[in-house]
Amino acid sequence: MPQLATEHLLKEHREIEKILAELDIALAPFRNKTPITAEETKTLCGVSCQLLEQLLPHLAKEDRVLYPALEEFLPRYEGPLAVLRGAHSHIAS
């Protein structure tokens, strides 16, 4: 049975949430202002790259497919859809 587009996007959300949890862990030494090791820096860079590789294509899918479909039911320039589009614009810039 083919996967629904919403199921696909939700699966991607869960994967991105896992990466964000890893990012939170990788940022701990930086928040604690403890001396940062080269390995910690390497881990942070790797997790950051992984997030960008997953997040930017996901945002594009939502912008090109999901949001136009929602515009049939929600106004584009106000309310939830406007907030979501604004968040994407902020993240991508």
N, C-alpha and C. Protein backbone atom coordinates (compact mmCIF):
# COMPACT_ATOMS: atom_id res chain seq x y z
N MET A 1 0.84 -1.17 0.00
CA MET A 1 0.00 0.00 0.00
C MET A 1 0.89 1.24 0.00
N PRO A 2 0.63 2.20 -0.90
CA PRO A 2 1.46 3.41 -0.97
C PRO A 2 1.30 4.26 0.29
N GLN A 3 2.37 4.92 0.64
CA GLN A 3 2.37 5.78 1.81
C GLN A 3 1.73 7.12 1.46
N LEU A 4 0.83 7.60 2.31
CA LEU A 4 0.23 8.91 2.11
C LEU A 4 1.29 9.99 2.27
N ALA A 5 1.10 11.10 1.58
CA ALA A 5 2.05 12.20 1.66
C ALA A 5 2.19 12.69 3.10
N THR A 6 1.07 12.75 3.82
CA THR A 6 1.14 13.22 5.21
C THR A 6 1.93 12.24 6.08
N GLU A 7 1.79 10.95 5.82
CA GLU A 7 2.56 9.95 6.57
C GLU A 7 4.05 10.12 6.30
N HIS A 8 4.37 10.38 5.05
CA HIS A 8 5.77 10.60 4.67
C HIS A 8 6.34 11.82 5.39
N LEU A 9 5.58 12.92 5.40
CA LEU A 9 6.05 14.14 6.06
C LEU A 9 6.17 13.93 7.57
N LEU A 10 5.24 13.22 8.16
CA LEU A 10 5.32 12.94 9.60
C LEU A 10 6.53 12.08 9.93
N LYS A 11 6.82 11.12 9.07
CA LYS A 11 8.02 10.28 9.28
C LYS A 11 9.27 11.15 9.24
N GLU A 12 9.31 12.07 8.29
CA GLU A 12 10.45 12.99 8.21
C GLU A 12 10.54 13.87 9.47
N HIS A 13 9.38 14.31 9.96
CA HIS A 13 9.37 15.11 11.19
C HIS A 13 10.02 14.34 12.33
N ARG A 14 9.67 13.07 12.46
CA ARG A 14 10.22 12.25 13.55
C ARG A 14 11.74 12.10 13.39
N GLU A 15 12.20 11.92 12.16
CA GLU A 15 13.64 11.81 11.92
C GLU A 15 14.35 13.12 12.27
N ILE A 16 13.74 14.23 11.92
CA ILE A 16 14.33 15.54 12.23
C ILE A 16 14.33 15.77 13.74
N GLU A 17 13.27 15.34 14.42
CA GLU A 17 13.23 15.47 15.88
C GLU A 17 14.36 14.69 16.54
N LYS A 18 14.69 13.52 16.00
CA LYS A 18 15.81 12.73 16.53
C LYS A 18 17.13 13.48 16.35
N ILE A 19 17.29 14.09 15.18
CA ILE A 19 18.51 14.85 14.92
C ILE A 19 18.58 16.06 15.85
N LEU A 20 17.45 16.70 16.09
CA LEU A 20 17.44 17.84 17.00
C LEU A 20 17.81 17.42 18.41
N ALA A 21 17.38 16.24 18.83
CA ALA A 21 17.78 15.72 20.14
C ALA A 21 19.29 15.50 20.18
N GLU A 22 19.86 14.96 19.10
CA GLU A 22 21.30 14.77 19.02
C GLU A 22 22.02 16.12 19.04
N LEU A 23 21.43 17.10 18.37
CA LEU A 23 22.02 18.44 18.35
C LEU A 23 22.03 19.04 19.75
N ASP A 24 20.95 18.84 20.48
CA ASP A 24 20.88 19.34 21.85
C ASP A 24 22.00 18.76 22.70
N ILE A 25 22.23 17.46 22.55
CA ILE A 25 23.32 16.81 23.28
C ILE A 25 24.68 17.36 22.84
N ALA A 26 24.85 17.53 21.54
CA ALA A 26 26.13 18.02 21.01
C ALA A 26 26.41 19.46 21.45
N LEU A 27 25.37 20.22 21.72
CA LEU A 27 25.55 21.61 22.14
C LEU A 27 25.85 21.76 23.63
N ALA A 28 25.64 20.71 24.40
CA ALA A 28 25.81 20.81 25.86
C ALA A 28 27.17 21.38 26.27
N PRO A 29 28.28 20.90 25.72
CA PRO A 29 29.58 21.48 26.14
C PRO A 29 29.68 22.97 25.83
N PHE A 30 29.03 23.42 24.78
CA PHE A 30 29.08 24.82 24.41
C PHE A 30 28.24 25.67 25.36
N ARG A 31 27.11 25.12 25.80
CA ARG A 31 26.27 25.83 26.77
C ARG A 31 26.93 25.89 28.13
N ASN A 32 27.63 24.85 28.48
CA ASN A 32 28.27 24.77 29.81
C ASN A 32 29.56 25.58 29.88
N LYS A 33 29.98 26.09 28.74
CA LYS A 33 31.20 26.90 28.67
C LYS A 33 32.42 26.15 29.19
N THR A 34 32.39 24.85 29.05
CA THR A 34 33.56 24.04 29.41
C THR A 34 34.50 24.03 28.21
N PRO A 35 35.75 23.71 28.40
CA PRO A 35 36.65 23.60 27.25
C PRO A 35 36.07 22.61 26.23
N ILE A 36 36.11 23.00 24.98
CA ILE A 36 35.54 22.20 23.90
C ILE A 36 36.65 21.40 23.25
N THR A 37 36.40 20.10 23.10
CA THR A 37 37.40 19.25 22.45
C THR A 37 37.18 19.26 20.94
N ALA A 38 38.19 18.84 20.23
CA ALA A 38 38.08 18.72 18.78
C ALA A 38 37.00 17.71 18.41
N GLU A 39 36.90 16.64 19.18
CA GLU A 39 35.88 15.62 18.91
C GLU A 39 34.47 16.17 19.10
N GLU A 40 34.28 16.99 20.13
CA GLU A 40 32.96 17.61 20.36
C GLU A 40 32.60 18.56 19.22
N THR A 41 33.59 19.29 18.75
CA THR A 41 33.36 20.19 17.62
C THR A 41 33.01 19.40 16.37
N LYS A 42 33.73 18.31 16.15
CA LYS A 42 33.46 17.45 15.00
C LYS A 42 32.05 16.86 15.08
N THR A 43 31.64 16.43 16.27
CA THR A 43 30.30 15.89 16.46
C THR A 43 29.25 16.94 16.16
N LEU A 44 29.45 18.15 16.68
CA LEU A 44 28.50 19.23 16.43
C LEU A 44 28.40 19.53 14.94
N CYS A 45 29.51 19.59 14.27
CA CYS A 45 29.50 19.84 12.82
C CYS A 45 28.76 18.74 12.07
N GLY A 46 29.01 17.49 12.46
CA GLY A 46 28.35 16.37 11.81
C GLY A 46 26.84 16.39 12.00
N VAL A 47 26.41 16.66 13.23
CA VAL A 47 24.97 16.70 13.50
C VAL A 47 24.33 17.88 12.79
N SER A 48 25.02 19.02 12.77
CA SER A 48 24.50 20.20 12.07
C SER A 48 24.32 19.92 10.59
N CYS A 49 25.30 19.28 9.98
CA CYS A 49 25.21 18.93 8.55
C CYS A 49 24.06 17.95 8.31
N GLN A 50 23.93 16.98 9.19
CA GLN A 50 22.84 16.01 9.07
C GLN A 50 21.49 16.71 9.15
N LEU A 51 21.37 17.68 10.05
CA LEU A 51 20.12 18.42 10.18
C LEU A 51 19.81 19.19 8.91
N LEU A 52 20.79 19.88 8.37
CA LEU A 52 20.57 20.63 7.14
C LEU A 52 20.19 19.72 5.97
N GLU A 53 20.83 18.57 5.89
CA GLU A 53 20.53 17.62 4.80
C GLU A 53 19.09 17.11 4.88
N GLN A 54 18.57 16.99 6.08
CA GLN A 54 17.20 16.50 6.26
C GLN A 54 16.17 17.64 6.24
N LEU A 55 16.51 18.74 6.90
CA LEU A 55 15.53 19.80 7.12
C LEU A 55 15.20 20.59 5.86
N LEU A 56 16.20 21.02 5.12
CA LEU A 56 15.93 21.87 3.97
C LEU A 56 15.08 21.18 2.90
N PRO A 57 15.36 19.93 2.53
CA PRO A 57 14.46 19.26 1.57
C PRO A 57 13.05 19.06 2.13
N HIS A 58 12.96 18.81 3.43
CA HIS A 58 11.64 18.63 4.06
C HIS A 58 10.84 19.94 3.97
N LEU A 59 11.48 21.05 4.29
CA LEU A 59 10.80 22.33 4.20
C LEU A 59 10.32 22.61 2.78
N ALA A 60 11.14 22.27 1.82
CA ALA A 60 10.77 22.48 0.41
C ALA A 60 9.54 21.65 0.04
N LYS A 61 9.47 20.42 0.53
CA LYS A 61 8.30 19.57 0.25
C LYS A 61 7.03 20.20 0.82
N GLU A 62 7.14 20.68 2.05
CA GLU A 62 5.97 21.30 2.65
C GLU A 62 5.57 22.56 1.89
N ASP A 63 6.57 23.37 1.52
CA ASP A 63 6.29 24.61 0.80
C ASP A 63 5.69 24.37 -0.58
N ARG A 64 6.17 23.33 -1.27
CA ARG A 64 5.72 23.08 -2.65
C ARG A 64 4.46 22.21 -2.74
N VAL A 65 4.21 21.36 -1.74
CA VAL A 65 3.12 20.40 -1.84
C VAL A 65 2.05 20.61 -0.77
N LEU A 66 2.47 20.57 0.49
CA LEU A 66 1.50 20.61 1.58
C LEU A 66 0.79 21.96 1.67
N TYR A 67 1.55 23.03 1.72
CA TYR A 67 0.93 24.34 1.94
C TYR A 67 0.00 24.75 0.79
N PRO A 68 0.39 24.53 -0.47
CA PRO A 68 -0.57 24.85 -1.53
C PRO A 68 -1.88 24.05 -1.40
N ALA A 69 -1.78 22.80 -0.97
CA ALA A 69 -3.00 22.00 -0.77
C ALA A 69 -3.84 22.57 0.36
N LEU A 70 -3.19 23.04 1.42
CA LEU A 70 -3.92 23.61 2.55
C LEU A 70 -4.58 24.94 2.21
N GLU A 71 -4.02 25.63 1.21
CA GLU A 71 -4.59 26.92 0.81
C GLU A 71 -6.01 26.79 0.28
N GLU A 72 -6.42 25.59 -0.08
CA GLU A 72 -7.81 25.38 -0.49
C GLU A 72 -8.75 25.54 0.69
N PHE A 73 -8.22 25.41 1.91
CA PHE A 73 -9.04 25.43 3.12
C PHE A 73 -8.68 26.55 4.09
N LEU A 74 -7.46 27.04 3.99
CA LEU A 74 -6.97 28.07 4.92
C LEU A 74 -6.46 29.27 4.15
N PRO A 75 -6.61 30.47 4.71
CA PRO A 75 -6.05 31.64 4.02
C PRO A 75 -4.53 31.60 4.02
N ARG A 76 -3.96 32.06 2.93
CA ARG A 76 -2.50 32.01 2.77
C ARG A 76 -1.77 33.03 3.64
N TYR A 77 -2.32 34.21 3.77
CA TYR A 77 -1.58 35.32 4.38
C TYR A 77 -1.99 35.65 5.81
N GLU A 78 -2.75 34.78 6.43
CA GLU A 78 -3.10 34.99 7.84
C GLU A 78 -3.37 33.64 8.49
N GLY A 79 -3.30 33.62 9.80
CA GLY A 79 -3.59 32.40 10.53
C GLY A 79 -2.45 31.40 10.48
N PRO A 80 -2.78 30.12 10.72
CA PRO A 80 -1.75 29.08 10.87
C PRO A 80 -0.84 28.94 9.65
N LEU A 81 -1.40 29.01 8.47
CA LEU A 81 -0.60 28.82 7.26
C LEU A 81 0.43 29.94 7.10
N ALA A 82 0.01 31.16 7.40
CA ALA A 82 0.95 32.28 7.33
C ALA A 82 2.07 32.12 8.35
N VAL A 83 1.73 31.62 9.54
CA VAL A 83 2.75 31.40 10.58
C VAL A 83 3.73 30.32 10.13
N LEU A 84 3.21 29.23 9.59
CA LEU A 84 4.08 28.15 9.12
C LEU A 84 5.00 28.62 8.00
N ARG A 85 4.44 29.34 7.05
CA ARG A 85 5.27 29.85 5.95
C ARG A 85 6.34 30.81 6.47
N GLY A 86 5.97 31.64 7.44
CA GLY A 86 6.92 32.58 8.03
C GLY A 86 8.05 31.84 8.75
N ALA A 87 7.71 30.78 9.46
CA ALA A 87 8.73 29.98 10.15
C ALA A 87 9.68 29.36 9.15
N HIS A 88 9.16 28.84 8.05
CA HIS A 88 10.02 28.25 7.02
C HIS A 88 10.93 29.31 6.42
N SER A 89 10.39 30.46 6.18
CA SER A 89 11.19 31.54 5.61
C SER A 89 12.32 31.92 6.55
N HIS A 90 12.02 31.96 7.83
CA HIS A 90 13.03 32.31 8.84
C HIS A 90 14.11 31.22 8.94
N ILE A 91 13.70 29.96 8.92
CA ILE A 91 14.65 28.85 9.03
C ILE A 91 15.58 28.81 7.82
N ALA A 92 15.01 28.98 6.64
CA ALA A 92 15.77 28.84 5.40
C ALA A 92 16.71 30.03 5.14
N SER A 93 16.48 31.13 5.83
CA SER A 93 17.34 32.30 5.55
C SER A 93 18.58 32.32 6.41
